[in-house]
PDB file of N, CA and C in Angstrom:
ATOM      1  N   MET A   1     148.061  22.673 -56.370  1.00  0.00           N
ATOM      2  CA  MET A   1     148.296  21.383 -55.888  1.00  0.00           C
ATOM      3  C   MET A   1     146.676  20.655 -55.576  1.00  0.00           C
ATOM      4  N   GLU A   2     145.582  21.475 -55.622  1.00  0.00           N
ATOM      5  CA  GLU A   2     144.386  20.767 -55.184  1.00  0.00           C
ATOM      6  C   GLU A   2     144.035  20.088 -56.339  1.00  0.00           C
ATOM      7  N   LEU A   3     144.450  20.153 -57.714  1.00  0.00           N
ATOM      8  CA  LEU A   3     143.974  19.510 -58.892  1.00  0.00           C
ATOM      9  C   LEU A   3     145.075  18.406 -58.939  1.00  0.00           C
ATOM     10  N   ILE A   4     145.991  18.645 -58.687  1.00  0.00           N
ATOM     11  CA  ILE A   4     147.373  17.388 -58.902  1.00  0.00           C
ATOM     12  C   ILE A   4     147.212  16.305 -57.888  1.00  0.00           C
ATOM     13  N   ILE A   5     147.092  16.655 -56.641  1.00  0.00           N
ATOM     14  CA  ILE A   5     147.132  15.474 -55.961  1.00  0.00           C
ATOM     15  C   ILE A   5     146.040  14.149 -55.987  1.00  0.00           C
ATOM     16  N   PRO A   6     144.748  14.945 -56.151  1.00  0.00           N
ATOM     17  CA  PRO A   6     143.833  13.859 -56.473  1.00  0.00           C
ATOM     18  C   PRO A   6     144.038  12.850 -57.664  1.00  0.00           C
ATOM     19  N   LEU A   7     144.632  13.878 -58.729  1.00  0.00           N
ATOM     20  CA  LEU A   7     145.174  12.829 -59.941  1.00  0.00           C
ATOM     21  C   LEU A   7     146.052  12.058 -59.599  1.00  0.00           C
ATOM     22  N   PHE A   8     147.084  12.246 -58.690  1.00  0.00           N
ATOM     23  CA  PHE A   8     148.181  11.371 -58.739  1.00  0.00           C
ATOM     24  C   PHE A   8     147.667  10.178 -57.568  1.00  0.00           C
ATOM     25  N   GLU A   9     146.679  10.459 -56.850  1.00  0.00           N
ATOM     26  CA  GLU A   9     146.105   9.405 -55.994  1.00  0.00           C
ATOM     27  C   GLU A   9     145.043   8.632 -56.584  1.00  0.00           C
ATOM     28  N   GLY A  10     144.623   8.880 -57.751  1.00  0.00           N
ATOM     29  CA  GLY A  10     143.825   8.004 -58.516  1.00  0.00           C
ATOM     30  C   GLY A  10     142.531   8.376 -58.447  1.00  0.00           C
ATOM     31  N   LYS A  11     142.071   9.494 -57.654  1.00  0.00           N
ATOM     32  CA  LYS A  11     140.633   9.842 -57.266  1.00  0.00           C
ATOM     33  C   LYS A  11     140.052  10.698 -58.544  1.00  0.00           C
ATOM     34  N   THR A  12     140.757  11.257 -59.214  1.00  0.00           N
ATOM     35  CA  THR A  12     140.491  11.946 -60.581  1.00  0.00           C
ATOM     36  C   THR A  12     141.104  11.370 -61.749  1.00  0.00           C
ATOM     37  N   VAL A  13     140.686  11.469 -63.109  1.00  0.00           N
ATOM     38  CA  VAL A  13     141.152  10.936 -64.218  1.00  0.00           C
ATOM     39  C   VAL A  13     141.383  11.964 -65.395  1.00  0.00           C
ATOM     40  N   LEU A  14     142.531  11.896 -65.825  1.00  0.00           N
ATOM     41  CA  LEU A  14     142.971  12.863 -66.905  1.00  0.00           C
ATOM     42  C   LEU A  14     142.262  12.733 -68.051  1.00  0.00           C
ATOM     43  N   GLU A  15     141.374  13.817 -68.438  1.00  0.00           N
ATOM     44  CA  GLU A  15     140.588  13.742 -69.527  1.00  0.00           C
ATOM     45  C   GLU A  15     141.465  14.202 -70.755  1.00  0.00           C
ATOM     46  N   PRO A  16     141.425  13.364 -71.860  1.00  0.00           N
ATOM     47  CA  PRO A  16     142.129  13.781 -73.186  1.00  0.00           C
ATOM     48  C   PRO A  16     141.739  15.150 -73.406  1.00  0.00           C
ATOM     49  N   ALA A  17     142.859  15.889 -73.610  1.00  0.00           N
ATOM     50  CA  ALA A  17     143.057  17.358 -74.107  1.00  0.00           C
ATOM     51  C   ALA A  17     143.312  17.271 -75.707  1.00  0.00           C
ATOM     52  N   SER A  18     142.392  17.960 -76.531  1.00  0.00           N
ATOM     53  CA  SER A  18     142.847  17.903 -78.014  1.00  0.00           C
ATOM     54  C   SER A  18     143.868  18.659 -78.441  1.00  0.00           C
ATOM     55  N   GLU A  19     144.422  19.702 -77.595  1.00  0.00           N
ATOM     56  CA  GLU A  19     145.661  20.202 -77.969  1.00  0.00           C
ATOM     57  C   GLU A  19     146.956  19.786 -77.149  1.00  0.00           C
ATOM     58  N   ALA A  20     146.605  18.800 -76.513  1.00  0.00           N
ATOM     59  CA  ALA A  20     147.761  17.887 -75.878  1.00  0.00           C
ATOM     60  C   ALA A  20     149.047  17.197 -76.770  1.00  0.00           C
ATOM     61  N   ARG A  21     150.205  17.376 -76.413  1.00  0.00           N
ATOM     62  CA  ARG A  21     151.194  16.698 -77.321  1.00  0.00           C
ATOM     63  C   ARG A  21     151.894  15.658 -76.385  1.00  0.00           C
ATOM     64  N   GLY A  22     152.729  14.873 -77.097  1.00  0.00           N
ATOM     65  CA  GLY A  22     153.671  14.067 -76.241  1.00  0.00           C
ATOM     66  C   GLY A  22     153.081  12.766 -75.974  1.00  0.00           C
ATOM     67  N   ILE A  23     153.594  12.236 -74.740  1.00  0.00           N
ATOM     68  CA  ILE A  23     153.122  10.927 -74.401  1.00  0.00           C
ATOM     69  C   ILE A  23     151.823  10.850 -73.839  1.00  0.00           C
ATOM     70  N   LEU A  24     151.192  11.926 -73.350  1.00  0.00           N
ATOM     71  CA  LEU A  24     149.771  12.000 -72.595  1.00  0.00           C
ATOM     72  C   LEU A  24     148.731  11.900 -73.768  1.00  0.00           C
ATOM     73  N   ASP A  25     149.203  12.682 -74.878  1.00  0.00           N
ATOM     74  CA  ASP A  25     148.356  12.665 -75.949  1.00  0.00           C
ATOM     75  C   ASP A  25     148.304  11.192 -76.658  1.00  0.00           C
ATOM     76  N   PHE A  26     149.675  10.823 -76.771  1.00  0.00           N
ATOM     77  CA  PHE A  26     149.730   9.510 -77.651  1.00  0.00           C
ATOM     78  C   PHE A  26     148.734   8.507 -76.706  1.00  0.00           C
ATOM     79  N   ILE A  27     149.037   8.423 -75.358  1.00  0.00           N
ATOM     80  CA  ILE A  27     147.933   7.656 -74.456  1.00  0.00           C
ATOM     81  C   ILE A  27     146.679   7.669 -74.689  1.00  0.00           C
ATOM     82  N   SER A  28     146.267   9.008 -74.604  1.00  0.00           N
ATOM     83  CA  SER A  28     144.928   9.286 -74.513  1.00  0.00           C
ATOM     84  C   SER A  28     144.251   8.910 -75.902  1.00  0.00           C
ATOM     85  N   GLU A  29     144.887   8.993 -76.783  1.00  0.00           N
ATOM     86  CA  GLU A  29     144.401   8.525 -78.205  1.00  0.00           C
ATOM     87  C   GLU A  29     143.397   7.176 -78.030  1.00  0.00           C
ATOM     88  N   ALA A  30     144.174   6.407 -77.219  1.00  0.00           N
ATOM     89  CA  ALA A  30     143.519   4.947 -77.062  1.00  0.00           C
ATOM     90  C   ALA A  30     142.339   4.961 -76.241  1.00  0.00           C
ATOM     91  N   CYS A  31     141.913   5.931 -75.669  1.00  0.00           N
ATOM     92  CA  CYS A  31     141.109   6.056 -74.661  1.00  0.00           C
ATOM     93  C   CYS A  31     139.547   6.194 -75.398  1.00  0.00           C
ATOM     94  N   PRO A  32     138.715   5.003 -75.129  1.00  0.00           N
ATOM     95  CA  PRO A  32     137.240   5.508 -75.919  1.00  0.00           C
ATOM     96  C   PRO A  32     136.654   6.763 -75.039  1.00  0.00           C
ATOM     97  N   GLU A  33     135.627   7.363 -75.826  1.00  0.00           N
ATOM     98  CA  GLU A  33     135.002   8.239 -75.240  1.00  0.00           C
ATOM     99  C   GLU A  33     134.317   8.081 -73.820  1.00  0.00           C
ATOM    100  N   GLY A  34     134.551   8.954 -72.951  1.00  0.00           N
ATOM    101  CA  GLY A  34     134.105   9.064 -71.604  1.00  0.00           C
ATOM    102  C   GLY A  34     134.923   8.658 -70.830  1.00  0.00           C
ATOM    103  N   MET A  35     136.235   8.180 -71.207  1.00  0.00           N
ATOM    104  CA  MET A  35     137.357   7.577 -70.403  1.00  0.00           C
ATOM    105  C   MET A  35     138.456   8.608 -70.498  1.00  0.00           C
ATOM    106  N   GLY A  36     139.341   8.335 -69.458  1.00  0.00           N
ATOM    107  CA  GLY A  36     140.429   9.264 -69.356  1.00  0.00           C
ATOM    108  C   GLY A  36     141.569   8.477 -68.951  1.00  0.00           C
ATOM    109  N   ILE A  37     143.024   9.065 -68.758  1.00  0.00           N
ATOM    110  CA  ILE A  37     143.994   8.426 -68.071  1.00  0.00           C
ATOM    111  C   ILE A  37     144.181   8.367 -66.780  1.00  0.00           C
ATOM    112  N   ASN A  38     144.328   7.058 -66.121  1.00  0.00           N
ATOM    113  CA  ASN A  38     144.340   6.996 -64.739  1.00  0.00           C
ATOM    114  C   ASN A  38     145.942   7.112 -64.487  1.00  0.00           C
ATOM    115  N   ILE A  39     146.525   8.227 -63.948  1.00  0.00           N
ATOM    116  CA  ILE A  39     147.927   8.318 -63.882  1.00  0.00           C
ATOM    117  C   ILE A  39     148.609   7.413 -62.845  1.00  0.00           C
ATOM    118  N   PRO A  40     148.045   7.089 -61.744  1.00  0.00           N
ATOM    119  CA  PRO A  40     148.701   6.003 -61.227  1.00  0.00           C
ATOM    120  C   PRO A  40     148.883   4.607 -61.551  1.00  0.00           C
ATOM    121  N   SER A  41     147.882   4.195 -62.560  1.00  0.00           N
ATOM    122  CA  SER A  41     148.133   3.038 -63.178  1.00  0.00           C
ATOM    123  C   SER A  41     149.432   3.133 -64.242  1.00  0.00           C
ATOM    124  N   LEU A  42     149.387   4.091 -64.766  1.00  0.00           N
ATOM    125  CA  LEU A  42     150.581   4.577 -65.808  1.00  0.00           C
ATOM    126  C   LEU A  42     151.995   4.121 -65.339  1.00  0.00           C
ATOM    127  N   PHE A  43     152.192   4.508 -63.788  1.00  0.00           N
ATOM    128  CA  PHE A  43     153.235   4.111 -63.202  1.00  0.00           C
ATOM    129  C   PHE A  43     153.217   2.658 -62.545  1.00  0.00           C
ATOM    130  N   GLN A  44     152.071   2.189 -61.861  1.00  0.00           N
ATOM    131  CA  GLN A  44     152.089   1.042 -61.354  1.00  0.00           C
ATOM    132  C   GLN A  44     152.224  -0.283 -62.385  1.00  0.00           C
ATOM    133  N   LYS A  45     151.848  -0.191 -63.600  1.00  0.00           N
ATOM    134  CA  LYS A  45     151.847  -1.044 -64.472  1.00  0.00           C
ATOM    135  C   LYS A  45     152.436  -0.254 -65.754  1.00  0.00           C
ATOM    136  N   ALA A  46     153.615   0.002 -65.439  1.00  0.00           N
ATOM    137  CA  ALA A  46     154.250   0.739 -66.637  1.00  0.00           C
ATOM    138  C   ALA A  46     154.738  -0.335 -67.598  1.00  0.00           C
ATOM    139  N   PRO A  47     155.044  -0.063 -68.782  1.00  0.00           N
ATOM    140  CA  PRO A  47     155.206  -0.923 -70.057  1.00  0.00           C
ATOM    141  C   PRO A  47     156.521  -1.494 -69.772  1.00  0.00           C
ATOM    142  N   ARG A  48     157.006  -2.664 -70.087  1.00  0.00           N
ATOM    143  CA  ARG A  48     158.267  -3.354 -69.890  1.00  0.00           C
ATOM    144  C   ARG A  48     159.218  -2.881 -70.518  1.00  0.00           C
ATOM    145  N   ASN A  49     158.889  -2.221 -71.842  1.00  0.00           N
ATOM    146  CA  ASN A  49     160.054  -1.605 -72.667  1.00  0.00           C
ATOM    147  C   ASN A  49     159.137  -0.500 -73.256  1.00  0.00           C
ATOM    148  N   LEU A  50     160.190   0.211 -73.904  1.00  0.00           N
ATOM    149  CA  LEU A  50     159.588   1.425 -74.866  1.00  0.00           C
ATOM    150  C   LEU A  50     158.905   1.403 -75.783  1.00  0.00           C
ATOM    151  N   PHE A  51     159.077   0.143 -76.632  1.00  0.00           N
ATOM    152  CA  PHE A  51     158.011  -0.212 -77.590  1.00  0.00           C
ATOM    153  C   PHE A  51     156.977  -0.680 -77.437  1.00  0.00           C
ATOM    154  N   ALA A  52     156.649  -1.212 -76.174  1.00  0.00           N
ATOM    155  CA  ALA A  52     155.216  -1.873 -75.458  1.00  0.00           C
ATOM    156  C   ALA A  52     154.248  -0.788 -75.666  1.00  0.00           C
ATOM    157  N   ILE A  53     154.695   0.415 -75.533  1.00  0.00           N
ATOM    158  CA  ILE A  53     153.634   1.638 -75.535  1.00  0.00           C
ATOM    159  C   ILE A  53     152.845   1.812 -76.963  1.00  0.00           C
ATOM    160  N   LEU A  54     153.696   1.716 -78.118  1.00  0.00           N
ATOM    161  CA  LEU A  54     153.019   1.553 -79.269  1.00  0.00           C
ATOM    162  C   LEU A  54     152.094   0.800 -79.598  1.00  0.00           C
ATOM    163  N   ASP A  55     151.834  -0.416 -78.624  1.00  0.00           N
ATOM    164  CA  ASP A  55     150.483  -1.141 -78.824  1.00  0.00           C
ATOM    165  C   ASP A  55     149.361  -0.723 -78.217  1.00  0.00           C
ATOM    166  N   LYS A  56     148.463  -0.171 -79.061  1.00  0.00           N
ATOM    167  CA  LYS A  56     147.068   0.373 -78.656  1.00  0.00           C
ATOM    168  C   LYS A  56     146.397  -0.333 -77.295  1.00  0.00           C
ATOM    169  N   GLU A  57     146.538  -1.609 -77.539  1.00  0.00           N
ATOM    170  CA  GLU A  57     145.885  -2.286 -76.115  1.00  0.00           C
ATOM    171  C   GLU A  57     146.613  -2.189 -74.970  1.00  0.00           C
ATOM    172  N   VAL A  58     147.746  -1.911 -74.943  1.00  0.00           N
ATOM    173  CA  VAL A  58     148.527  -1.378 -73.642  1.00  0.00           C
ATOM    174  C   VAL A  58     148.253  -0.157 -73.326  1.00  0.00           C
ATOM    175  N   ARG A  59     148.055   0.820 -74.061  1.00  0.00           N
ATOM    176  CA  ARG A  59     147.734   2.108 -73.763  1.00  0.00           C
ATOM    177  C   ARG A  59     145.959   2.006 -73.164  1.00  0.00           C
ATOM    178  N   LYS A  60     145.520   1.421 -74.024  1.00  0.00           N
ATOM    179  CA  LYS A  60     144.159   1.172 -73.364  1.00  0.00           C
ATOM    180  C   LYS A  60     144.077   0.632 -71.896  1.00  0.00           C
ATOM    181  N   SER A  61     144.758   0.001 -71.594  1.00  0.00           N
ATOM    182  CA  SER A  61     145.297  -0.406 -70.146  1.00  0.00           C
ATOM    183  C   SER A  61     145.286   0.528 -68.938  1.00  0.00           C
ATOM    184  N   TYR A  62     145.638   1.978 -69.579  1.00  0.00           N
ATOM    185  CA  TYR A  62     145.881   3.107 -68.638  1.00  0.00           C
ATOM    186  C   TYR A  62     144.342   4.116 -68.461  1.00  0.00           C
ATOM    187  N   CYS A  63     143.512   3.467 -69.520  1.00  0.00           N
ATOM    188  CA  CYS A  63     142.187   4.210 -69.382  1.00  0.00           C
ATOM    189  C   CYS A  63     141.339   3.717 -68.295  1.00  0.00           C
ATOM    190  N   GLN A  64     140.462   4.774 -68.067  1.00  0.00           N
ATOM    191  CA  GLN A  64     139.369   4.375 -66.884  1.00  0.00           C
ATOM    192  C   GLN A  64     138.280   5.106 -67.137  1.00  0.00           C
ATOM    193  N   GLN A  65     137.110   4.525 -66.902  1.00  0.00           N
ATOM    194  CA  GLN A  65     135.936   5.416 -67.328  1.00  0.00           C
ATOM    195  C   GLN A  65     135.602   6.324 -66.319  1.00  0.00           C
ATOM    196  N   ILE A  66     135.300   7.753 -66.698  1.00  0.00           N
ATOM    197  CA  ILE A  66     135.006   8.976 -66.029  1.00  0.00           C
ATOM    198  C   ILE A  66     133.563   8.663 -65.556  1.00  0.00           C
ATOM    199  N   ASP A  67     133.289   8.613 -64.390  1.00  0.00           N
ATOM    200  CA  ASP A  67     132.127   8.312 -63.375  1.00  0.00           C
ATOM    201  C   ASP A  67     132.139   9.197 -62.263  1.00  0.00           C
ATOM    202  N   GLN A  68     131.132   8.986 -61.291  1.00  0.00           N
ATOM    203  CA  GLN A  68     131.074   9.723 -59.988  1.00  0.00           C
ATOM    204  C   GLN A  68     132.139   9.558 -59.128  1.00  0.00           C
ATOM    205  N   GLU A  69     132.740   7.910 -59.099  1.00  0.00           N
ATOM    206  CA  GLU A  69     133.783   7.819 -57.984  1.00  0.00           C
ATOM    207  C   GLU A  69     134.997   8.368 -58.940  1.00  0.00           C
ATOM    208  N   HIS A  70     135.096   8.406 -60.019  1.00  0.00           N
ATOM    209  CA  HIS A  70     136.368   8.880 -60.549  1.00  0.00           C
ATOM    210  C   HIS A  70     136.232  10.004 -61.861  1.00  0.00           C
ATOM    211  N   PRO A  71     135.758  11.230 -61.267  1.00  0.00           N
ATOM    212  CA  PRO A  71     135.453  12.338 -62.176  1.00  0.00           C
ATOM    213  C   PRO A  71     136.679  12.759 -62.863  1.00  0.00           C
ATOM    214  N   ALA A  72     136.332  13.569 -63.962  1.00  0.00           N
ATOM    215  CA  ALA A  72     137.416  13.982 -64.591  1.00  0.00           C
ATOM    216  C   ALA A  72     137.899  15.030 -63.861  1.00  0.00           C
ATOM    217  N   SER A  73     139.196  15.345 -63.898  1.00  0.00           N
ATOM    218  CA  SER A  73     140.017  16.225 -63.261  1.00  0.00           C
ATOM    219  C   SER A  73     140.089  17.738 -63.870  1.00  0.00           C
ATOM    220  N   GLN A  74     139.696  18.533 -63.384  1.00  0.00           N
ATOM    221  CA  GLN A  74     139.787  20.047 -63.743  1.00  0.00           C
ATOM    222  C   GLN A  74     140.886  20.464 -64.244  1.00  0.00           C
ATOM    223  N   LEU A  75     142.056  19.871 -63.843  1.00  0.00           N
ATOM    224  CA  LEU A  75     143.694  20.133 -64.416  1.00  0.00           C
ATOM    225  C   LEU A  75     143.715  20.338 -66.051  1.00  0.00           C
ATOM    226  N   THR A  76     142.904  19.776 -66.742  1.00  0.00           N
ATOM    227  CA  THR A  76     143.228  19.934 -68.362  1.00  0.00           C
ATOM    228  C   THR A  76     142.332  21.330 -68.394  1.00  0.00           C
ATOM    229  N   GLU A  77     141.433  21.832 -67.994  1.00  0.00           N
ATOM    230  CA  GLU A  77     140.939  22.971 -68.251  1.00  0.00           C
ATOM    231  C   GLU A  77     141.514  23.941 -67.532  1.00  0.00           C
ATOM    232  N   PHE A  78     142.005  23.725 -66.622  1.00  0.00           N
ATOM    233  CA  PHE A  78     143.080  24.929 -65.803  1.00  0.00           C
ATOM    234  C   PHE A  78     144.157  25.078 -66.625  1.00  0.00           C
ATOM    235  N   LEU A  79     144.730  24.064 -67.035  1.00  0.00           N
ATOM    236  CA  LEU A  79     145.796  24.323 -67.979  1.00  0.00           C
ATOM    237  C   LEU A  79     145.691  25.029 -69.549  1.00  0.00           C
ATOM    238  N   ARG A  80     144.116  24.771 -69.985  1.00  0.00           N
ATOM    239  CA  ARG A  80     143.973  25.194 -70.991  1.00  0.00           C
ATOM    240  C   ARG A  80     143.548  26.852 -70.957  1.00  0.00           C
ATOM    241  N   GLU A  81     143.055  27.143 -69.821  1.00  0.00           N
ATOM    242  CA  GLU A  81     142.731  28.757 -69.596  1.00  0.00           C
ATOM    243  C   GLU A  81     144.138  29.214 -69.180  1.00  0.00           C
ATOM    244  N   TYR A  82     145.056  28.696 -68.574  1.00  0.00           N
ATOM    245  CA  TYR A  82     146.328  29.314 -68.147  1.00  0.00           C
ATOM    246  C   TYR A  82     147.049  29.503 -69.550  1.00  0.00           C
ATOM    247  N   SER A  83     147.096  28.703 -70.465  1.00  0.00           N
ATOM    248  CA  SER A  83     147.475  28.874 -71.818  1.00  0.00           C
ATOM    249  C   SER A  83     147.062  30.079 -72.647  1.00  0.00           C
ATOM    250  N   LYS A  84     145.797  30.493 -72.450  1.00  0.00           N
ATOM    251  CA  LYS A  84     144.902  31.407 -73.289  1.00  0.00           C
ATOM    252  C   LYS A  84     145.663  32.896 -72.726  1.00  0.00           C
ATOM    253  N   ARG A  85     146.242  33.069 -71.463  1.00  0.00           N
ATOM    254  CA  ARG A  85     146.603  34.439 -70.918  1.00  0.00           C
ATOM    255  C   ARG A  85     147.498  35.046 -71.877  1.00  0.00           C
ATOM    256  N   ALA A  86     147.178  36.350 -71.898  1.00  0.00           N
ATOM    257  CA  ALA A  86     147.933  37.143 -72.822  1.00  0.00           C
ATOM    258  C   ALA A  86     149.662  37.035 -72.640  1.00  0.00           C
ATOM    259  N   ASP A  87     149.994  36.703 -71.320  1.00  0.00           N
ATOM    260  CA  ASP A  87     151.470  36.537 -71.407  1.00  0.00           C
ATOM    261  C   ASP A  87     151.881  35.082 -71.596  1.00  0.00           C
ATOM    262  N   GLN A  88     150.881  34.258 -72.348  1.00  0.00           N
ATOM    263  CA  GLN A  88     151.597  32.856 -72.389  1.00  0.00           C
ATOM    264  C   GLN A  88     151.293  32.593 -74.133  1.00  0.00           C
ATOM    265  N   GLU A  89     152.575  32.621 -74.742  1.00  0.00           N
ATOM    266  CA  GLU A  89     152.456  32.363 -76.040  1.00  0.00           C
ATOM    267  C   GLU A  89     152.879  31.001 -76.490  1.00  0.00           C
ATOM    268  N   SER A  90     153.261  30.009 -75.418  1.00  0.00           N
ATOM    269  CA  SER A  90     153.382  28.774 -75.683  1.00  0.00           C
ATOM    270  C   SER A  90     152.308  27.880 -75.188  1.00  0.00           C
ATOM    271  N   GLU A  91     152.663  26.478 -75.081  1.00  0.00           N
ATOM    272  CA  GLU A  91     151.944  25.708 -74.096  1.00  0.00           C
ATOM    273  C   GLU A  91     152.779  25.282 -72.935  1.00  0.00           C
ATOM    274  N   ALA A  92     153.074  26.109 -72.334  1.00  0.00           N
ATOM    275  CA  ALA A  92     153.970  25.966 -71.097  1.00  0.00           C
ATOM    276  C   ALA A  92     153.080  25.079 -70.347  1.00  0.00           C
ATOM    277  N   GLY A  93     151.704  25.337 -70.129  1.00  0.00           N
ATOM    278  CA  GLY A  93     151.036  24.435 -69.078  1.00  0.00           C
ATOM    279  C   GLY A  93     151.072  22.882 -69.341  1.00  0.00           C
ATOM    280  N   MET A  94     150.883  22.714 -70.552  1.00  0.00           N
ATOM    281  CA  MET A  94     151.080  21.327 -70.872  1.00  0.00           C
ATOM    282  C   MET A  94     152.290  20.602 -70.383  1.00  0.00           C
ATOM    283  N   ARG A  95     153.493  21.359 -70.777  1.00  0.00           N
ATOM    284  CA  ARG A  95     154.916  21.001 -70.606  1.00  0.00           C
ATOM    285  C   ARG A  95     154.923  20.823 -69.195  1.00  0.00           C
ATOM    286  N   PHE A  96     154.464  21.610 -68.633  1.00  0.00           N
ATOM    287  CA  PHE A  96     154.693  21.526 -66.878  1.00  0.00           C
ATOM    288  C   PHE A  96     153.801  20.476 -66.364  1.00  0.00           C
ATOM    289  N   LEU A  97     152.817  20.191 -66.965  1.00  0.00           N
ATOM    290  CA  LEU A  97     152.253  19.096 -66.208  1.00  0.00           C
ATOM    291  C   LEU A  97     152.989  17.679 -66.892  1.00  0.00           C
ATOM    292  N   ARG A  98     153.347  17.486 -67.801  1.00  0.00           N
ATOM    293  CA  ARG A  98     153.949  16.539 -68.391  1.00  0.00           C
ATOM    294  C   ARG A  98     155.365  16.226 -67.536  1.00  0.00           C
ATOM    295  N   ARG A  99     156.010  17.216 -67.331  1.00  0.00           N
ATOM    296  CA  ARG A  99     157.372  17.207 -66.499  1.00  0.00           C
ATOM    297  C   ARG A  99     156.983  16.945 -64.971  1.00  0.00           C
ATOM    298  N   MET A 100     155.962  17.373 -64.552  1.00  0.00           N
ATOM    299  CA  MET A 100     155.509  17.287 -63.165  1.00  0.00           C
ATOM    300  C   MET A 100     155.339  15.748 -62.901  1.00  0.00           C
ATOM    301  N   ILE A 101     154.335  14.986 -63.983  1.00  0.00           N
ATOM    302  CA  ILE A 101     154.173  13.769 -63.919  1.00  0.00           C
ATOM    303  C   ILE A 101     155.276  12.972 -64.119  1.00  0.00           C
ATOM    304  N   TRP A 102     156.324  13.103 -64.807  1.00  0.00           N
ATOM    305  CA  TRP A 102     157.624  12.219 -65.221  1.00  0.00           C
ATOM    306  C   TRP A 102     158.372  12.290 -64.002  1.00  0.00           C
ATOM    307  N   VAL A 103     158.581  13.536 -63.582  1.00  0.00           N
ATOM    308  CA  VAL A 103     159.419  13.654 -62.514  1.00  0.00           C
ATOM    309  C   VAL A 103     158.965  13.031 -61.353  1.00  0.00           C
ATOM    310  N   ASN A 104     157.737  13.065 -60.591  1.00  0.00           N
ATOM    311  CA  ASN A 104     157.277  12.710 -59.565  1.00  0.00           C
ATOM    312  C   ASN A 104     156.842  11.055 -59.872  1.00  0.00           C
TER     313      ASN A 104
END
């Protein structure tokens, strides 16, 4: 939870992960180098309809500069290491993150 709470509060930014899939990967593709997804903005400024997210400019609006005030969350690295464990043959960590974000 120590990695997730700051992310949901907007204190950290979700850095794009090369092996991510789904909506988070789709949104992060629009983020320029040095930027990540601001999770609270994804909910506070949700697209008006499903097709609006197809517009790259809409996706860019969820990107935020990674800096001292908003460092990159270590959650991506944590999930990457989690998926490398011998007992993990799938990308359960990223599925867990996506579910947690959309459910909460």
